[in-house]
C-alpha atoms as a PDB file:
ATOM      1  CA  MET A   1     163.312  35.488 123.474  1.00  0.00           C
ATOM      2  CA  ASN A   2     160.222  36.997 124.913  1.00  0.00           C
ATOM      3  CA  ILE A   3     158.792  40.076 123.207  1.00  0.00           C
ATOM      4  CA  ARG A   4     158.304  41.873 126.553  1.00  0.00           C
ATOM      5  CA  PHE A   5     162.017  42.005 127.142  1.00  0.00           C
ATOM      6  CA  LEU A   6     162.585  43.513 123.688  1.00  0.00           C
ATOM      7  CA  GLY A   7     159.731  46.080 123.955  1.00  0.00           C
ATOM      8  CA  LEU A   8     161.017  48.049 126.940  1.00  0.00           C
ATOM      9  CA  PRO A   9     164.517  48.824 125.304  1.00  0.00           C
ATOM     10  CA  LEU A  10     162.813  49.660 122.052  1.00  0.00           C
ATOM     11  CA  VAL A  11     160.528  52.140 123.800  1.00  0.00           C
ATOM     12  CA  VAL A  12     163.497  53.778 125.580  1.00  0.00           C
ATOM     13  CA  VAL A  13     165.451  54.126 122.413  1.00  0.00           C
ATOM     14  CA  ALA A  14     162.498  55.601 120.618  1.00  0.00           C
ATOM     15  CA  PHE A  15     161.930  58.121 123.444  1.00  0.00           C
ATOM     16  CA  LEU A  16     165.511  59.183 123.460  1.00  0.00           C
ATOM     17  CA  ALA A  17     165.560  59.644 119.660  1.00  0.00           C
ATOM     18  CA  LEU A  18     162.508  61.877 119.794  1.00  0.00           C
ATOM     19  CA  SER A  19     163.851  63.919 122.674  1.00  0.00           C
ATOM     20  CA  GLY A  20     166.818  64.731 120.567  1.00  0.00           C
ATOM     21  CA  CYS A  21     164.616  66.389 118.010  1.00  0.00           C
ATOM     22  CA  ALA A  22     163.651  69.314 120.238  1.00  0.00           C
ATOM     23  CA  SER A  23     165.109  72.582 119.174  1.00  0.00           C
ATOM     24  CA  PRO A  24     165.058  75.414 121.712  1.00  0.00           C
ATOM     25  CA  THR A  25     163.549  78.581 120.214  1.00  0.00           C
ATOM     26  CA  VAL A  26     163.483  82.234 121.205  1.00  0.00           C
ATOM     27  CA  VAL A  27     160.187  84.056 120.704  1.00  0.00           C
ATOM     28  CA  THR A  28     160.602  88.023 120.847  1.00  0.00           C
ATOM     29  CA  LEU A  29     157.533  90.137 121.186  1.00  0.00           C
ATOM     30  CA  GLN A  30     157.061  93.615 119.793  1.00  0.00           C
ATOM     31  CA  ASN A  31     157.742  95.153 123.220  1.00  0.00           C
ATOM     32  CA  GLY A  32     161.134  93.327 123.534  1.00  0.00           C
ATOM     33  CA  THR A  33     160.084  90.606 125.923  1.00  0.00           C
ATOM     34  CA  GLN A  34     161.794  87.319 124.976  1.00  0.00           C
ATOM     35  CA  TYR A  35     160.645  83.733 125.843  1.00  0.00           C
ATOM     36  CA  LEU A  36     162.940  80.719 125.612  1.00  0.00           C
ATOM     37  CA  THR A  37     160.869  77.680 124.663  1.00  0.00           C
ATOM     38  CA  LYS A  38     161.616  74.017 124.768  1.00  0.00           C
ATOM     39  CA  ASP A  39     160.588  73.526 121.133  1.00  0.00           C
ATOM     40  CA  THR A  40     159.248  75.505 118.182  1.00  0.00           C
ATOM     41  CA  PRO A  41     155.895  77.102 119.027  1.00  0.00           C
ATOM     42  CA  ASN A  42     152.666  75.780 117.467  1.00  0.00           C
ATOM     43  CA  THR A  43     151.809  77.724 114.413  1.00  0.00           C
ATOM     44  CA  ARG A  44     149.255  80.442 114.671  1.00  0.00           C
ATOM     45  CA  THR A  45     145.926  79.156 115.928  1.00  0.00           C
ATOM     46  CA  ALA A  46     142.528  79.860 114.371  1.00  0.00           C
ATOM     47  CA  ASP A  47     141.825  82.576 117.024  1.00  0.00           C
ATOM     48  CA  GLY A  48     145.104  84.405 116.173  1.00  0.00           C
ATOM     49  CA  PHE A  49     147.469  83.299 118.929  1.00  0.00           C
ATOM     50  CA  TYR A  50     150.725  81.426 119.256  1.00  0.00           C
ATOM     51  CA  GLU A  51     150.850  78.831 121.934  1.00  0.00           C
ATOM     52  CA  PHE A  52     154.086  77.448 123.472  1.00  0.00           C
ATOM     53  CA  GLU A  53     155.593  76.183 126.637  1.00  0.00           C
ATOM     54  CA  ASP A  54     158.593  78.054 128.066  1.00  0.00           C
ATOM     55  CA  ILE A  55     161.656  76.403 129.642  1.00  0.00           C
ATOM     56  CA  SER A  56     160.095  76.579 133.114  1.00  0.00           C
ATOM     57  CA  GLY A  57     157.128  74.533 131.903  1.00  0.00           C
ATOM     58  CA  LYS A  58     154.581  77.335 131.881  1.00  0.00           C
ATOM     59  CA  LYS A  59     152.092  77.435 129.029  1.00  0.00           C
ATOM     60  CA  VAL A  60     152.073  80.845 127.229  1.00  0.00           C
ATOM     61  CA  ARG A  61     149.605  82.159 124.711  1.00  0.00           C
ATOM     62  CA  VAL A  62     150.468  85.435 122.890  1.00  0.00           C
ATOM     63  CA  ARG A  63     148.629  87.236 120.145  1.00  0.00           C
ATOM     64  CA  ALA A  64     150.215  86.679 116.736  1.00  0.00           C
ATOM     65  CA  ASP A  65     150.280  90.475 116.211  1.00  0.00           C
ATOM     66  CA  ASP A  66     152.533  90.904 119.231  1.00  0.00           C
ATOM     67  CA  VAL A  67     155.204  88.555 117.999  1.00  0.00           C
ATOM     68  CA  ALA A  68     158.196  90.131 116.347  1.00  0.00           C
ATOM     69  CA  THR A  69     160.427  87.078 115.637  1.00  0.00           C
ATOM     70  CA  ILE A  70     160.591  83.364 116.250  1.00  0.00           C
ATOM     71  CA  ARG A  71     164.136  81.940 115.766  1.00  0.00           C
ATOM     72  CA  LYS A  72     166.126  78.949 116.930  1.00  0.00           C
ATOM     73  CA  GLU A  73     168.426  79.564 119.824  1.00  0.00           C
ATOM     74  CA  ASP A  74     172.161  79.923 118.983  1.00  0.00           C
END
């Protein structure tokens, strides 16, 4: 059996397995604004910001001091 024919199904299975690991998260700011993210945000960066992508695909950067809570969506 040719390796090429086995490679594509293995890649598809790996992609599906990794996509199942995403856990939607709610980021709540001090002012009450909430962002629903596709996955857990990156931890605090060296310059003091959290970076994440919301469910619409927009990249968001907020100051760590402005974040009240980060929790998994129920």
